[in-house]
Amino acid sequence: MRRLSFVERIKNSWLYVVFLIVALILWNTYLLFDRLKTEERKKMELWAMAQKESVQNQAPNNLTLEVLLQTGTNPMIQVNATGKIIGHKNISWSATQDSALLYQQLDRFRGQNQPIAIFYKEAGSENPLVDQKLYYGDSPMLRKLQYYPLALLLIIFLFGLVLYYVLKTLRVSEQNRLWAAMAKETAHQIGTPLSSMLGWIALGKEGQLVSQTEPFSEMEKDVNRLQLITERFSKIGSLPTLQPLDINKLLKETVIYLENRTASQVTIKTRYKTDPVIIAGNAALLSWTLENLIKNGIDAMKGAGELQIWLEVLPKKIYLFVQDQGLGVARVHRKKIFNPGYSTKKRGWGLGLSLAKRIIENYHQGRLELHQTEVGKGTTFRITLARSM
């Protein structure tokens, strides 16, 4: 299985970051809610103490009266020892209304908070002077805060939907660009052998052929080329079969084919190994990758210059280098050159390097990278593949 690159791991980790942020927000909301609930209970307990103090002292002090007046916003109901309501505060209910509504409110308070006992008995007396309970509900602010996590999750959900729609739209747009680029790439691939065949036919019609067998031999090569192109495109999107092959031989065949169809101002210098270099790969797709890199180098040199290709063989892997003397890649473009549809050339479709990277890394578990580049001096690409022992 192909290992994810550092950039890919960073891109995939954003989900964990979002989850962590949401978890921290919910946890802090819970802590805030719990703290406010504790503070409200302390206020209710203080009010109950003031109520008890007012019963003990016929003339309560100013502090007791101040506490009794500062009831806050919490709705509260007082009941006696038998459970009968004897008072209420911060509840919109009048004596003209049905008392059942007030008792329904009392039942809701029982579910929200534990009651606070208001109990007082004089020394030596068997019967208490005060035996009451204070039931209270959450304040309006606390009730609103209860729904904050749900509102937050709803906002995140809506944001996720918008993000999904945007990403889906971008993906569809990218797929449309890729389909257009693939169609142009197909026409480009087929155009080279077709042009050659049409040229031989034209020479035959004009009677300028030196040998009667030469055109058939060359056209046979072009027909084989068309078959190879068909095989390449048929493998895109499916997992190809990897077989042992000599990358040295494949490189020679690819270079020979392209040399005969490249401008004379371009020189291709190669350094092969004398012994076979065996790897597990798909010949049709690997030759396509090599062609894309070579053509990319020729385009970068604008059809004139020297292109160098060489192999470095290690015990467990091989390096294949393609070096041109072109314009180089500016720093702002270096991270984008393998993106589908990205191209700095006016006639480019931005598919060659993207396909090459996909073939090497997704299908062959290798690596294709921009090894070295310098503006005005050239670029070197490096392919890394596992070597078969």
Protein backbone atom coordinates (compact mmCIF):
# COMPACT_ATOMS: atom_id res chain seq x y z
CA MET A 1 0.00 0.00 0.00
CA ARG A 2 1.31 3.47 -0.86
CA ARG A 3 2.33 5.55 2.12
CA LEU A 4 0.73 8.96 2.43
CA SER A 5 3.05 11.90 1.95
CA PHE A 6 3.50 14.57 4.58
CA VAL A 7 1.27 17.00 2.66
CA GLU A 8 -1.46 14.36 2.30
CA ARG A 9 -1.32 13.59 6.02
CA ILE A 10 -1.70 17.30 6.79
CA LYS A 11 -4.70 17.52 4.46
CA ASN A 12 -6.34 14.46 6.03
CA SER A 13 -5.75 15.70 9.60
CA TRP A 14 -8.13 18.67 9.26
CA LEU A 15 -11.05 16.44 10.23
CA TYR A 16 -9.36 15.56 13.50
CA VAL A 17 -8.60 19.23 14.15
CA VAL A 18 -12.27 20.18 13.57
CA PHE A 19 -13.43 17.36 15.84
CA LEU A 20 -10.99 18.48 18.55
CA ILE A 21 -12.15 22.11 18.32
CA VAL A 22 -15.83 21.09 18.56
CA ALA A 23 -15.08 18.80 21.52
CA LEU A 24 -13.23 21.62 23.34
CA ILE A 25 -16.09 24.07 22.71
CA LEU A 26 -18.68 21.58 23.98
CA TRP A 27 -16.56 20.74 27.02
CA ASN A 28 -16.08 24.42 27.92
CA THR A 29 -19.80 25.00 27.43
CA TYR A 30 -20.52 22.15 29.82
CA LEU A 31 -18.10 23.58 32.41
CA LEU A 32 -19.66 27.03 32.08
CA PHE A 33 -23.15 25.57 32.39
CA ASP A 34 -22.15 23.59 35.49
CA ARG A 35 -20.52 26.62 37.09
CA LEU A 36 -23.53 28.85 36.48
CA LYS A 37 -25.83 26.17 37.86
CA THR A 38 -23.69 25.95 41.01
CA GLU A 39 -23.72 29.74 41.39
CA GLU A 40 -27.49 29.84 41.03
CA ARG A 41 -27.93 27.18 43.71
CA LYS A 42 -25.72 29.16 46.08
CA LYS A 43 -27.96 32.20 45.52
CA MET A 44 -31.06 30.10 46.22
CA GLU A 45 -29.48 28.69 49.38
CA LEU A 46 -28.60 32.22 50.48
CA TRP A 47 -32.19 33.31 49.87
CA ALA A 48 -33.46 30.32 51.88
CA MET A 49 -31.12 31.26 54.74
CA ALA A 50 -32.44 34.81 54.66
CA GLN A 51 -35.98 33.45 54.74
CA LYS A 52 -35.10 31.37 57.80
CA GLU A 53 -33.42 34.38 59.42
CA SER A 54 -36.54 36.48 58.92
CA VAL A 55 -38.58 33.87 60.79
CA GLN A 56 -36.10 33.67 63.65
CA ASN A 57 -35.89 37.43 64.14
CA GLN A 58 -39.02 39.50 64.25
CA ALA A 59 -36.95 42.48 63.17
CA PRO A 60 -34.51 41.20 60.51
CA ASN A 61 -31.46 43.32 59.68
CA ASN A 62 -30.95 45.22 56.46
CA LEU A 63 -28.75 42.52 54.95
CA THR A 64 -31.46 39.89 55.36
CA LEU A 65 -34.05 42.16 53.80
CA GLU A 66 -31.69 42.98 50.92
CA VAL A 67 -31.13 39.28 50.20
CA LEU A 68 -34.88 38.57 50.30
CA LEU A 69 -35.50 41.38 47.82
CA GLN A 70 -32.71 40.25 45.47
CA THR A 71 -34.40 37.14 44.16
CA GLY A 72 -32.58 37.24 40.84
CA THR A 73 -34.23 35.78 37.74
CA ASN A 74 -34.69 32.18 38.86
CA PRO A 75 -38.34 31.15 39.13
CA MET A 76 -39.09 29.69 42.59
CA ILE A 77 -41.92 28.09 44.51
CA GLN A 78 -42.20 27.56 48.27
CA VAL A 79 -44.20 24.64 49.67
CA ASN A 80 -45.02 23.66 53.25
CA ALA A 81 -44.51 20.30 54.92
CA THR A 82 -47.63 18.87 53.23
CA GLY A 83 -46.50 19.98 49.77
CA LYS A 84 -48.94 22.87 49.45
CA ILE A 85 -47.69 25.93 47.60
CA ILE A 86 -47.41 28.90 49.92
CA GLY A 87 -45.48 31.31 47.72
CA HIS A 88 -43.81 31.89 44.40
CA LYS A 89 -41.56 34.42 42.69
CA ASN A 90 -40.52 35.22 39.10
CA ILE A 91 -43.43 33.19 37.72
CA SER A 92 -46.09 34.76 35.52
CA TRP A 93 -49.13 33.41 37.35
CA SER A 94 -51.99 35.20 39.07
CA ALA A 95 -54.61 34.07 41.56
CA THR A 96 -57.26 34.24 38.85
CA GLN A 97 -55.58 31.43 36.94
CA ASP A 98 -55.98 27.73 37.55
CA SER A 99 -53.69 26.59 40.40
CA ALA A 100 -53.02 23.34 38.48
CA LEU A 101 -50.74 25.34 36.20
CA LEU A 102 -48.63 26.33 39.18
CA TYR A 103 -48.38 22.74 40.38
CA GLN A 104 -47.34 21.66 36.87
CA GLN A 105 -44.56 24.23 37.10
CA LEU A 106 -43.62 22.77 40.48
CA ASP A 107 -43.29 19.30 38.92
CA ARG A 108 -40.92 20.72 36.31
CA PHE A 109 -38.79 22.33 39.00
CA ARG A 110 -38.53 18.99 40.79
CA GLY A 111 -36.93 17.56 37.66
CA GLN A 112 -34.47 20.44 37.26
CA ASN A 113 -32.95 20.96 40.70
CA GLN A 114 -32.92 19.44 44.18
CA PRO A 115 -35.12 21.37 46.64
CA ILE A 116 -33.62 23.50 49.43
CA ALA A 117 -35.00 22.90 52.91
CA ILE A 118 -36.08 25.88 55.02
CA PHE A 119 -36.35 24.40 58.49
CA TYR A 120 -36.35 26.07 61.92
CA LYS A 121 -37.26 24.74 65.36
CA GLU A 122 -36.78 26.54 68.65
CA ALA A 123 -34.84 24.86 71.42
CA GLY A 124 -37.06 22.65 73.57
CA SER A 125 -39.93 22.73 71.08
CA GLU A 126 -41.14 19.56 69.44
CA ASN A 127 -42.88 21.20 66.50
CA PRO A 128 -40.80 23.25 64.06
CA LEU A 129 -41.74 26.84 63.45
CA VAL A 130 -40.75 26.54 59.79
CA ASP A 131 -40.79 23.35 57.74
CA GLN A 132 -40.75 24.35 54.09
CA LYS A 133 -39.00 23.51 50.87
CA LEU A 134 -37.84 25.83 48.14
CA TYR A 135 -38.08 24.55 44.58
CA TYR A 136 -36.50 26.60 41.85
CA GLY A 137 -35.95 26.41 38.13
CA ASP A 138 -33.07 27.43 35.91
CA SER A 139 -32.68 31.08 35.00
CA PRO A 140 -33.55 32.21 31.44
CA MET A 141 -29.84 32.63 30.65
CA LEU A 142 -29.08 29.08 31.80
CA ARG A 143 -31.98 27.69 29.77
CA LYS A 144 -30.65 29.42 26.68
CA LEU A 145 -27.18 28.11 27.38
CA GLN A 146 -28.55 24.55 27.37
CA TYR A 147 -29.38 24.90 23.68
CA TYR A 148 -26.04 26.47 22.75
CA PRO A 149 -24.30 23.11 21.97
CA LEU A 150 -27.21 22.12 19.74
CA ALA A 151 -27.05 25.47 17.95
CA LEU A 152 -23.29 25.04 17.57
CA LEU A 153 -23.69 21.55 16.12
CA LEU A 154 -26.37 22.85 13.76
CA ILE A 155 -24.06 25.64 12.56
CA ILE A 156 -21.24 23.14 12.06
CA PHE A 157 -23.61 20.82 10.20
CA LEU A 158 -24.77 23.63 7.91
CA PHE A 159 -21.16 24.70 7.39
CA GLY A 160 -20.30 21.10 6.52
CA LEU A 161 -23.12 21.00 3.97
CA VAL A 162 -21.91 24.22 2.36
CA LEU A 163 -18.33 22.94 2.36
CA TYR A 164 -19.45 19.62 0.87
CA TYR A 165 -21.38 21.44 -1.87
CA VAL A 166 -18.40 23.67 -2.66
CA LEU A 167 -15.98 20.73 -2.75
CA LYS A 168 -18.39 18.70 -4.86
CA THR A 169 -18.77 21.60 -7.28
CA LEU A 170 -14.99 22.01 -7.48
CA ARG A 171 -14.60 18.27 -8.00
CA VAL A 172 -17.15 18.22 -10.81
CA SER A 173 -15.43 21.25 -12.37
CA GLU A 174 -12.05 19.51 -12.07
CA GLN A 175 -13.46 16.32 -13.58
CA ASN A 176 -14.83 18.32 -16.50
CA ARG A 177 -11.41 19.88 -17.05
CA LEU A 178 -9.79 16.45 -16.82
CA TRP A 179 -12.21 14.98 -19.36
CA ALA A 180 -11.46 17.83 -21.74
CA ALA A 181 -7.72 17.41 -21.12
CA MET A 182 -7.97 13.65 -21.58
CA ALA A 183 -9.78 14.10 -24.90
CA LYS A 184 -7.06 16.50 -26.08
CA GLU A 185 -4.33 14.17 -24.85
CA THR A 186 -5.93 11.30 -26.75
CA ALA A 187 -6.02 13.35 -29.93
CA HIS A 188 -2.41 14.38 -29.34
CA GLN A 189 -1.25 10.81 -28.78
CA ILE A 190 -3.05 9.49 -31.84
CA GLY A 191 -2.01 12.45 -33.98
CA THR A 192 1.71 11.54 -34.11
CA PRO A 193 1.42 8.06 -35.69
CA LEU A 194 -1.46 9.18 -37.92
CA SER A 195 0.58 12.09 -39.28
CA SER A 196 3.43 9.69 -40.04
CA MET A 197 1.13 7.27 -41.87
CA LEU A 198 -0.47 10.08 -43.87
CA GLY A 199 3.00 11.29 -44.84
CA TRP A 200 3.98 7.87 -46.19
CA ILE A 201 0.72 7.63 -48.11
CA ALA A 202 1.32 11.06 -49.63
CA LEU A 203 4.85 10.06 -50.71
CA GLY A 204 3.48 6.89 -52.26
CA LYS A 205 0.92 8.80 -54.27
CA GLU A 206 3.59 11.19 -55.55
CA GLY A 207 5.89 8.33 -56.50
CA GLN A 208 8.75 9.52 -54.32
CA LEU A 209 9.35 6.28 -52.46
CA VAL A 210 12.87 4.90 -52.71
CA SER A 211 11.88 1.48 -51.45
CA GLN A 212 8.53 -0.25 -51.75
CA THR A 213 8.94 -2.02 -48.40
CA GLU A 214 10.03 0.96 -46.30
CA PRO A 215 6.60 2.65 -45.96
CA PHE A 216 4.93 -0.61 -44.91
CA SER A 217 7.57 -1.19 -42.26
CA GLU A 218 7.16 2.33 -40.86
CA MET A 219 3.37 2.21 -41.04
CA GLU A 220 3.45 -1.09 -39.18
CA LYS A 221 5.36 0.67 -36.40
CA ASP A 222 2.73 3.41 -36.33
CA VAL A 223 -0.11 0.86 -36.21
CA ASN A 224 1.64 -0.83 -33.30
CA ARG A 225 1.93 2.58 -31.75
CA LEU A 226 -1.82 3.10 -32.05
CA GLN A 227 -2.40 -0.25 -30.37
CA LEU A 228 -0.08 0.82 -27.54
CA ILE A 229 -1.99 4.08 -27.11
CA THR A 230 -5.26 2.15 -26.96
CA GLU A 231 -3.80 -0.14 -24.30
CA ARG A 232 -2.59 2.82 -22.25
CA PHE A 233 -5.93 4.58 -22.14
CA SER A 234 -7.75 1.33 -21.42
CA LYS A 235 -5.69 0.93 -18.23
CA ILE A 236 -6.47 4.37 -16.83
CA GLY A 237 -8.92 3.99 -13.94
CA SER A 238 -8.23 0.29 -13.39
CA LEU A 239 -5.47 -1.48 -11.48
CA PRO A 240 -2.90 -2.73 -14.04
CA THR A 241 -1.05 -6.04 -13.89
CA LEU A 242 2.59 -5.67 -12.89
CA GLN A 243 5.05 -8.07 -14.47
CA PRO A 244 8.85 -8.39 -14.36
CA LEU A 245 10.42 -6.17 -17.04
CA ASP A 246 13.80 -4.72 -17.90
CA ILE A 247 13.57 -0.97 -17.32
CA ASN A 248 16.86 -0.61 -19.22
CA LYS A 249 15.34 -2.13 -22.36
CA LEU A 250 12.09 -0.21 -21.99
CA LEU A 251 13.99 3.06 -21.73
CA LYS A 252 16.01 2.29 -24.88
CA GLU A 253 12.89 1.47 -26.92
CA THR A 254 11.11 4.61 -25.77
CA VAL A 255 14.06 6.88 -26.55
CA ILE A 256 14.58 5.33 -30.00
CA TYR A 257 10.94 5.89 -30.92
CA LEU A 258 10.98 9.53 -29.76
CA GLU A 259 14.37 10.33 -31.35
CA ASN A 260 12.99 9.53 -34.79
CA ARG A 261 10.10 11.94 -34.21
CA THR A 262 11.93 14.79 -32.51
CA ALA A 263 13.41 17.94 -34.05
CA SER A 264 17.05 17.66 -35.06
CA GLN A 265 17.94 20.56 -32.76
CA VAL A 266 17.24 18.33 -29.75
CA THR A 267 19.96 15.94 -28.60
CA ILE A 268 19.02 13.06 -26.30
CA LYS A 269 21.96 11.66 -24.34
CA THR A 270 21.46 8.43 -22.43
CA ARG A 271 23.45 6.35 -19.96
CA TYR A 272 22.20 2.78 -19.83
CA LYS A 273 23.33 -0.16 -17.73
CA THR A 274 25.04 -3.05 -19.45
CA ASP A 275 23.08 -5.67 -17.49
CA PRO A 276 19.27 -5.97 -17.33
CA VAL A 277 17.59 -4.01 -14.52
CA ILE A 278 14.47 -5.92 -13.53
CA ILE A 279 11.50 -4.27 -11.82
CA ALA A 280 7.82 -5.14 -11.39
CA GLY A 281 5.84 -2.85 -13.65
CA ASN A 282 3.49 -2.32 -16.55
CA ALA A 283 5.40 -1.65 -19.76
CA ALA A 284 2.62 0.31 -21.48
CA LEU A 285 2.14 2.72 -18.59
CA LEU A 286 5.82 3.13 -17.73
CA SER A 287 6.71 3.94 -21.34
CA TRP A 288 3.91 6.51 -21.28
CA THR A 289 5.42 8.08 -18.17
CA LEU A 290 8.86 8.24 -19.80
CA GLU A 291 7.41 9.81 -22.94
CA ASN A 292 5.59 12.45 -20.90
CA LEU A 293 8.76 13.40 -19.02
CA ILE A 294 10.85 13.46 -22.21
CA LYS A 295 8.27 15.51 -24.13
CA ASN A 296 7.92 17.83 -21.15
CA GLY A 297 11.69 18.40 -21.22
CA ILE A 298 11.69 19.02 -24.99
CA ASP A 299 8.86 21.54 -24.63
CA ALA A 300 10.73 23.27 -21.78
CA MET A 301 13.75 23.70 -24.11
CA LYS A 302 11.42 25.01 -26.86
CA GLY A 303 12.61 22.32 -29.29
CA ALA A 304 16.35 22.98 -28.99
CA GLY A 305 18.87 21.76 -26.43
CA GLU A 306 20.27 18.69 -24.75
CA LEU A 307 18.20 16.17 -22.81
CA GLN A 308 19.98 13.70 -20.53
CA ILE A 309 18.51 10.44 -19.25
CA TRP A 310 20.31 8.02 -16.94
CA LEU A 311 19.78 5.24 -14.45
CA GLU A 312 21.18 4.74 -10.98
CA VAL A 313 20.81 1.21 -9.62
CA LEU A 314 20.88 0.39 -5.91
CA PRO A 315 20.45 -3.02 -4.27
CA LYS A 316 16.74 -2.49 -3.47
CA LYS A 317 15.65 0.35 -5.74
CA ILE A 318 16.46 2.23 -8.93
CA TYR A 319 16.53 5.93 -9.78
CA LEU A 320 15.69 7.18 -13.26
CA PHE A 321 16.62 10.80 -14.02
CA VAL A 322 15.36 13.01 -16.87
CA GLN A 323 17.23 16.31 -17.12
CA ASP A 324 16.60 19.15 -19.57
CA GLN A 325 18.23 22.51 -20.31
CA GLY A 326 14.95 24.38 -20.36
CA LEU A 327 13.58 27.41 -18.59
CA GLY A 328 13.33 25.73 -15.19
CA VAL A 329 10.40 25.90 -12.78
CA ALA A 330 9.79 29.06 -10.79
CA ARG A 331 9.36 28.64 -7.04
CA VAL A 332 5.68 29.65 -7.15
CA HIS A 333 4.93 26.79 -9.57
CA ARG A 334 6.90 23.97 -7.95
CA LYS A 335 4.11 22.71 -5.70
CA LYS A 336 1.51 22.85 -8.48
CA ILE A 337 3.18 21.21 -11.48
CA PHE A 338 1.71 17.77 -10.66
CA ASN A 339 -1.83 19.09 -10.17
CA PRO A 340 -4.31 17.91 -12.84
CA GLY A 341 -5.05 20.67 -15.33
CA TYR A 342 -2.16 22.88 -14.23
CA SER A 343 0.18 24.07 -16.98
CA THR A 344 2.38 27.10 -17.63
CA LYS A 345 2.44 26.40 -21.38
CA LYS A 346 -0.05 28.17 -23.62
CA ARG A 347 -0.74 24.98 -25.54
CA GLY A 348 -0.45 22.67 -22.54
CA TRP A 349 -3.34 20.80 -20.97
CA GLY A 350 -1.71 20.04 -17.63
CA LEU A 351 -2.22 16.30 -17.84
CA GLY A 352 1.19 14.80 -18.68
CA LEU A 353 2.93 15.23 -15.32
CA SER A 354 -0.27 14.46 -13.41
CA LEU A 355 -0.72 11.17 -15.27
CA ALA A 356 2.96 10.34 -14.85
CA LYS A 357 2.79 10.86 -11.10
CA ARG A 358 -0.38 8.78 -10.83
CA ILE A 359 1.17 5.93 -12.83
CA ILE A 360 4.35 5.87 -10.75
CA GLU A 361 2.92 6.42 -7.28
CA ASN A 362 -0.57 4.88 -7.41
CA TYR A 363 0.07 1.97 -9.76
CA HIS A 364 3.74 1.16 -9.08
CA GLN A 365 4.10 2.32 -5.44
CA GLY A 366 7.07 4.43 -6.47
CA ARG A 367 7.80 8.12 -6.36
CA LEU A 368 8.02 10.87 -8.99
CA GLU A 369 9.45 14.17 -7.82
CA LEU A 370 10.95 17.41 -8.97
CA HIS A 371 14.52 16.55 -8.04
CA GLN A 372 16.24 19.79 -8.99
CA THR A 373 15.43 22.94 -10.92
CA GLU A 374 16.91 26.35 -11.57
CA VAL A 375 15.26 29.12 -13.50
CA GLY A 376 17.00 29.63 -16.83
CA LYS A 377 19.19 26.51 -16.52
CA GLY A 378 16.92 23.48 -16.52
CA THR A 379 15.00 20.88 -14.54
CA THR A 380 15.64 17.34 -13.35
CA PHE A 381 12.85 14.86 -12.57
CA ARG A 382 13.55 11.68 -10.64
CA ILE A 383 11.59 8.43 -10.64
CA THR A 384 12.12 5.98 -7.77
CA LEU A 385 11.00 2.35 -8.22
CA ALA A 386 11.51 -0.81 -6.23
CA ARG A 387 13.96 -3.25 -7.79
CA SER A 388 13.06 -6.92 -8.16
CA MET A 389 15.65 -9.19 -6.55
